[in-house]
């Protein structure tokens, strides 16, 4: 039984080594972006994030005031 466990353990380590070797080969094939591309994409993401934040802030303000005025109207006219 011990010999069978050793071959199973050896098989697991062999698979792990094969996996690591394949990862290393694939990582060499990756086309990494340049620093300029990363910088440009980062700026674009930040600008878009702030633009959407501003847009949603405006929408939230408008809808909040609309709800407040609607509630005040109905509360004062029901009595």
C-alpha atoms as a PDB file:
ATOM      1  CA  UNK A   1       0.000   0.000   0.000  1.00  0.00           C
ATOM      2  CA  UNK A   2       2.902   2.405   0.725  1.00  0.00           C
ATOM      3  CA  UNK A   3       4.333   1.966  -2.770  1.00  0.00           C
ATOM      4  CA  UNK A   4       0.970   2.877  -4.296  1.00  0.00           C
ATOM      5  CA  UNK A   5       0.805   6.040  -2.156  1.00  0.00           C
ATOM      6  CA  UNK A   6       4.305   7.026  -3.257  1.00  0.00           C
ATOM      7  CA  UNK A   7       3.419   6.675  -6.940  1.00  0.00           C
ATOM      8  CA  UNK A   8       0.270   8.747  -6.396  1.00  0.00           C
ATOM      9  CA  UNK A   9       2.285  11.439  -4.608  1.00  0.00           C
ATOM     10  CA  UNK A  10       4.941  11.298  -7.338  1.00  0.00           C
ATOM     11  CA  UNK A  11       2.208  11.679  -9.969  1.00  0.00           C
ATOM     12  CA  UNK A  12       0.795  14.735  -8.207  1.00  0.00           C
ATOM     13  CA  UNK A  13       4.208  16.405  -8.012  1.00  0.00           C
ATOM     14  CA  UNK A  14       4.902  15.554 -11.650  1.00  0.00           C
ATOM     15  CA  UNK A  15       1.599  17.139 -12.688  1.00  0.00           C
ATOM     16  CA  UNK A  16       2.413  20.218 -10.613  1.00  0.00           C
ATOM     17  CA  UNK A  17       5.854  20.559 -12.233  1.00  0.00           C
ATOM     18  CA  UNK A  18       4.314  20.127 -15.691  1.00  0.00           C
ATOM     19  CA  UNK A  19       1.738  22.778 -14.885  1.00  0.00           C
ATOM     20  CA  UNK A  20       4.421  25.229 -13.705  1.00  0.00           C
ATOM     21  CA  UNK A  21       6.478  24.557 -16.825  1.00  0.00           C
ATOM     22  CA  UNK A  22       3.455  25.205 -19.057  1.00  0.00           C
ATOM     23  CA  UNK A  23       2.652  28.417 -17.193  1.00  0.00           C
ATOM     24  CA  UNK A  24       6.215  29.622 -17.736  1.00  0.00           C
ATOM     25  CA  UNK A  25       5.979  28.912 -21.476  1.00  0.00           C
ATOM     26  CA  UNK A  26       2.612  30.686 -21.762  1.00  0.00           C
ATOM     27  CA  UNK A  27       3.831  33.723 -19.810  1.00  0.00           C
ATOM     28  CA  UNK A  28       6.583  34.202 -22.404  1.00  0.00           C
ATOM     29  CA  UNK A  29       3.898  34.388 -25.104  1.00  0.00           C
ATOM     30  CA  UNK A  30       1.922  37.127 -23.345  1.00  0.00           C
ATOM     31  CA  UNK A  31       1.925  40.478 -25.119  1.00  0.00           C
ATOM     32  CA  UNK A  32       2.314  42.902 -22.211  1.00  0.00           C
ATOM     33  CA  UNK A  33       1.120  46.511 -22.644  1.00  0.00           C
ATOM     34  CA  UNK A  34       3.622  49.334 -22.596  1.00  0.00           C
ATOM     35  CA  UNK A  35       3.831  51.845 -19.742  1.00  0.00           C
ATOM     36  CA  UNK A  36       2.233  54.433 -21.995  1.00  0.00           C
ATOM     37  CA  UNK A  37      -0.737  52.158 -22.722  1.00  0.00           C
ATOM     38  CA  UNK A  38      -1.198  51.369 -19.027  1.00  0.00           C
ATOM     39  CA  UNK A  39      -1.013  55.081 -18.154  1.00  0.00           C
ATOM     40  CA  UNK A  40      -3.515  56.006 -20.863  1.00  0.00           C
ATOM     41  CA  UNK A  41      -5.949  53.290 -19.824  1.00  0.00           C
ATOM     42  CA  UNK A  42      -5.637  54.275 -16.150  1.00  0.00           C
ATOM     43  CA  UNK A  43      -6.374  57.916 -16.937  1.00  0.00           C
ATOM     44  CA  UNK A  44      -9.369  56.902 -19.057  1.00  0.00           C
ATOM     45  CA  UNK A  45     -10.777  54.670 -16.301  1.00  0.00           C
ATOM     46  CA  UNK A  46     -10.361  57.382 -13.662  1.00  0.00           C
ATOM     47  CA  UNK A  47     -11.928  60.060 -15.881  1.00  0.00           C
ATOM     48  CA  UNK A  48     -14.874  57.819 -16.717  1.00  0.00           C
ATOM     49  CA  UNK A  49     -15.337  56.901 -13.054  1.00  0.00           C
ATOM     50  CA  UNK A  50     -15.448  60.541 -11.996  1.00  0.00           C
ATOM     51  CA  UNK A  51     -17.781  61.436 -14.877  1.00  0.00           C
ATOM     52  CA  UNK A  52     -20.238  58.706 -13.879  1.00  0.00           C
ATOM     53  CA  UNK A  53     -19.943  59.677 -10.203  1.00  0.00           C
ATOM     54  CA  UNK A  54     -20.803  63.283 -11.073  1.00  0.00           C
ATOM     55  CA  UNK A  55     -23.699  62.170 -13.287  1.00  0.00           C
ATOM     56  CA  UNK A  56     -25.159  59.933 -10.576  1.00  0.00           C
ATOM     57  CA  UNK A  57     -24.683  62.668  -7.962  1.00  0.00           C
ATOM     58  CA  UNK A  58     -26.719  65.079 -10.141  1.00  0.00           C
ATOM     59  CA  UNK A  59     -29.402  62.430 -10.724  1.00  0.00           C
ATOM     60  CA  UNK A  60     -29.557  61.641  -7.015  1.00  0.00           C
ATOM     61  CA  UNK A  61     -29.912  65.322  -6.132  1.00  0.00           C
ATOM     62  CA  UNK A  62     -32.700  65.869  -8.660  1.00  0.00           C
ATOM     63  CA  UNK A  63     -34.648  62.767  -7.638  1.00  0.00           C
ATOM     64  CA  UNK A  64     -34.198  63.507  -3.923  1.00  0.00           C
ATOM     65  CA  UNK A  65     -35.623  66.992  -4.329  1.00  0.00           C
ATOM     66  CA  UNK A  66     -38.436  65.654  -6.486  1.00  0.00           C
ATOM     67  CA  UNK A  67     -39.395  63.097  -3.836  1.00  0.00           C
ATOM     68  CA  UNK A  68     -39.150  65.678  -1.026  1.00  0.00           C
ATOM     69  CA  UNK A  69     -41.354  68.176  -2.879  1.00  0.00           C
ATOM     70  CA  UNK A  70     -43.850  65.453  -3.794  1.00  0.00           C
ATOM     71  CA  UNK A  71     -44.093  64.248  -0.188  1.00  0.00           C
ATOM     72  CA  UNK A  72     -44.443  67.801   1.131  1.00  0.00           C
ATOM     73  CA  UNK A  73     -47.194  68.494  -1.394  1.00  0.00           C
ATOM     74  CA  UNK A  74     -49.220  65.443  -0.413  1.00  0.00           C
ATOM     75  CA  UNK A  75     -48.631  65.853   3.328  1.00  0.00           C
ATOM     76  CA  UNK A  76     -49.811  69.459   3.342  1.00  0.00           C
ATOM     77  CA  UNK A  77     -52.815  68.903   1.051  1.00  0.00           C
ATOM     78  CA  UNK A  78     -54.295  65.850   2.728  1.00  0.00           C
ATOM     79  CA  UNK A  79     -55.236  67.554   6.000  1.00  0.00           C
END
